[in-house]
Amino acid sequence: MFCVIYKSTRRDQTYLYVEKKDDFSRVPEELMKSFGQPQLAMILPLDGRKQLANASLDKVKQALTEQGYYLQMPPPPENLLKQHLQESGKK
């Protein structure tokens, strides 16, 4: 199984995984509008892989099979104040 990964032009660190290059037929229209013009990031074989960098391999495969796409959102922003307070023993 292969997947094609596109980077969003409107949302930082947001990626759309689809089964075939330039085939967005199973992606909801509203998602495509908010995603912007997809920029090809990479074509990736999923078979034989044990993991992906920022997404669950099992979730990606399941989403591609069931709905035809997987949307990878950016990680939540770090709360540096909370982290600092925890490290200094204050809560």
C-alpha atoms as a PDB file:
ATOM      1  CA  MET A   1       0.000   0.000   0.000  1.00  0.00           C
ATOM      2  CA  PHE A   2       1.260   3.435  -0.964  1.00  0.00           C
ATOM      3  CA  CYS A   3       0.058   6.838   0.144  1.00  0.00           C
ATOM      4  CA  VAL A   4       0.617  10.255  -1.316  1.00  0.00           C
ATOM      5  CA  ILE A   5       1.149  13.081   1.157  1.00  0.00           C
ATOM      6  CA  TYR A   6       0.274  16.702   0.436  1.00  0.00           C
ATOM      7  CA  LYS A   7       1.131  19.790   2.451  1.00  0.00           C
ATOM      8  CA  SER A   8      -1.484  22.468   3.062  1.00  0.00           C
ATOM      9  CA  THR A   9      -0.881  25.948   1.693  1.00  0.00           C
ATOM     10  CA  ARG A  10      -3.258  27.474   4.253  1.00  0.00           C
ATOM     11  CA  ARG A  11      -2.517  25.594   7.464  1.00  0.00           C
ATOM     12  CA  ASP A  12       0.983  25.250   8.859  1.00  0.00           C
ATOM     13  CA  GLN A  13       2.102  21.670   9.608  1.00  0.00           C
ATOM     14  CA  THR A  14      -1.095  20.170   8.158  1.00  0.00           C
ATOM     15  CA  TYR A  15      -0.847  17.235   5.764  1.00  0.00           C
ATOM     16  CA  LEU A  16      -3.372  15.254   3.726  1.00  0.00           C
ATOM     17  CA  TYR A  17      -2.705  11.599   2.933  1.00  0.00           C
ATOM     18  CA  VAL A  18      -4.539  10.026  -0.041  1.00  0.00           C
ATOM     19  CA  GLU A  19      -4.267   6.680  -1.838  1.00  0.00           C
ATOM     20  CA  LYS A  20      -3.473   7.933  -5.342  1.00  0.00           C
ATOM     21  CA  LYS A  21      -1.594  10.940  -6.670  1.00  0.00           C
ATOM     22  CA  ASP A  22      -3.889  13.901  -7.381  1.00  0.00           C
ATOM     23  CA  ASP A  23      -7.034  11.882  -6.509  1.00  0.00           C
ATOM     24  CA  PHE A  24      -9.045  13.915  -4.016  1.00  0.00           C
ATOM     25  CA  SER A  25     -12.400  12.402  -5.015  1.00  0.00           C
ATOM     26  CA  ARG A  26     -13.015  10.899  -1.552  1.00  0.00           C
ATOM     27  CA  VAL A  27     -11.949  14.031   0.358  1.00  0.00           C
ATOM     28  CA  PRO A  28     -14.878  16.230   1.498  1.00  0.00           C
ATOM     29  CA  GLU A  29     -15.229  19.465  -0.469  1.00  0.00           C
ATOM     30  CA  GLU A  30     -15.202  21.632   2.681  1.00  0.00           C
ATOM     31  CA  LEU A  31     -11.919  20.063   3.787  1.00  0.00           C
ATOM     32  CA  MET A  32     -10.359  20.762   0.399  1.00  0.00           C
ATOM     33  CA  LYS A  33     -11.499  24.392   0.568  1.00  0.00           C
ATOM     34  CA  SER A  34      -9.966  24.932   4.006  1.00  0.00           C
ATOM     35  CA  PHE A  35      -6.825  22.936   3.109  1.00  0.00           C
ATOM     36  CA  GLY A  36      -5.960  25.153   0.167  1.00  0.00           C
ATOM     37  CA  GLN A  37      -4.015  24.121  -2.940  1.00  0.00           C
ATOM     38  CA  PRO A  38      -2.332  20.803  -2.042  1.00  0.00           C
ATOM     39  CA  GLN A  39       1.441  20.752  -2.493  1.00  0.00           C
ATOM     40  CA  LEU A  40       2.959  17.313  -3.093  1.00  0.00           C
ATOM     41  CA  ALA A  41       5.247  16.483  -0.173  1.00  0.00           C
ATOM     42  CA  MET A  42       6.073  12.808  -0.817  1.00  0.00           C
ATOM     43  CA  ILE A  43       4.935   9.405  -1.990  1.00  0.00           C
ATOM     44  CA  LEU A  44       5.409   6.840   0.736  1.00  0.00           C
ATOM     45  CA  PRO A  45       5.109   3.034   0.791  1.00  0.00           C
ATOM     46  CA  LEU A  46       3.240   1.959   3.926  1.00  0.00           C
ATOM     47  CA  ASP A  47       3.793  -1.788   3.637  1.00  0.00           C
ATOM     48  CA  GLY A  48       6.837  -2.980   5.545  1.00  0.00           C
ATOM     49  CA  ARG A  49       6.975   0.168   7.679  1.00  0.00           C
ATOM     50  CA  LYS A  50       6.789  -0.092  11.448  1.00  0.00           C
ATOM     51  CA  GLN A  51       5.905   3.544  12.106  1.00  0.00           C
ATOM     52  CA  LEU A  52       5.488   7.028  10.688  1.00  0.00           C
ATOM     53  CA  ALA A  53       7.111  10.191  12.038  1.00  0.00           C
ATOM     54  CA  ASN A  54       4.046  12.119  13.218  1.00  0.00           C
ATOM     55  CA  ALA A  55       1.081   9.823  12.640  1.00  0.00           C
ATOM     56  CA  SER A  56      -0.045   6.373  13.720  1.00  0.00           C
ATOM     57  CA  LEU A  57       0.611   3.892  10.916  1.00  0.00           C
ATOM     58  CA  ASP A  58      -2.476   1.848  11.844  1.00  0.00           C
ATOM     59  CA  LYS A  59      -4.721   4.936  11.918  1.00  0.00           C
ATOM     60  CA  VAL A  60      -3.411   6.119   8.545  1.00  0.00           C
ATOM     61  CA  LYS A  61      -3.999   2.726   6.905  1.00  0.00           C
ATOM     62  CA  GLN A  62      -7.462   2.425   8.432  1.00  0.00           C
ATOM     63  CA  ALA A  63      -8.479   5.959   7.402  1.00  0.00           C
ATOM     64  CA  LEU A  64      -7.202   5.449   3.843  1.00  0.00           C
ATOM     65  CA  THR A  65      -9.145   2.195   3.520  1.00  0.00           C
ATOM     66  CA  GLU A  66     -12.372   3.402   5.134  1.00  0.00           C
ATOM     67  CA  GLN A  67     -12.652   7.035   4.050  1.00  0.00           C
ATOM     68  CA  GLY A  68     -10.007   7.463   1.376  1.00  0.00           C
ATOM     69  CA  TYR A  69      -7.901  10.083   3.174  1.00  0.00           C
ATOM     70  CA  TYR A  70      -6.118  10.886   6.435  1.00  0.00           C
ATOM     71  CA  LEU A  71      -5.665  14.415   7.757  1.00  0.00           C
ATOM     72  CA  GLN A  72      -2.587  15.065   9.906  1.00  0.00           C
ATOM     73  CA  MET A  73      -3.014  18.146  12.071  1.00  0.00           C
ATOM     74  CA  PRO A  74      -0.155  20.045  13.735  1.00  0.00           C
ATOM     75  CA  PRO A  75       0.755  19.110  17.300  1.00  0.00           C
ATOM     76  CA  PRO A  76      -0.758  21.315  20.010  1.00  0.00           C
ATOM     77  CA  PRO A  77       1.402  24.308  20.943  1.00  0.00           C
ATOM     78  CA  GLU A  78       3.675  23.861  23.900  1.00  0.00           C
ATOM     79  CA  ASN A  79       2.661  25.601  27.097  1.00  0.00           C
ATOM     80  CA  LEU A  80       6.111  26.790  28.158  1.00  0.00           C
ATOM     81  CA  LEU A  81       4.844  28.523  31.302  1.00  0.00           C
ATOM     82  CA  LYS A  82       3.165  25.341  32.537  1.00  0.00           C
ATOM     83  CA  GLN A  83       6.280  23.334  31.725  1.00  0.00           C
ATOM     84  CA  HIS A  84       8.491  25.810  33.585  1.00  0.00           C
ATOM     85  CA  LEU A  85       6.245  25.799  36.651  1.00  0.00           C
ATOM     86  CA  GLN A  86       6.182  22.005  36.765  1.00  0.00           C
ATOM     87  CA  GLU A  87       9.952  21.823  36.482  1.00  0.00           C
ATOM     88  CA  SER A  88      10.422  24.350  39.258  1.00  0.00           C
ATOM     89  CA  GLY A  89       8.015  22.460  41.539  1.00  0.00           C
ATOM     90  CA  LYS A  90       5.154  24.987  41.389  1.00  0.00           C
ATOM     91  CA  LYS A  91       1.729  23.936  40.181  1.00  0.00           C
END
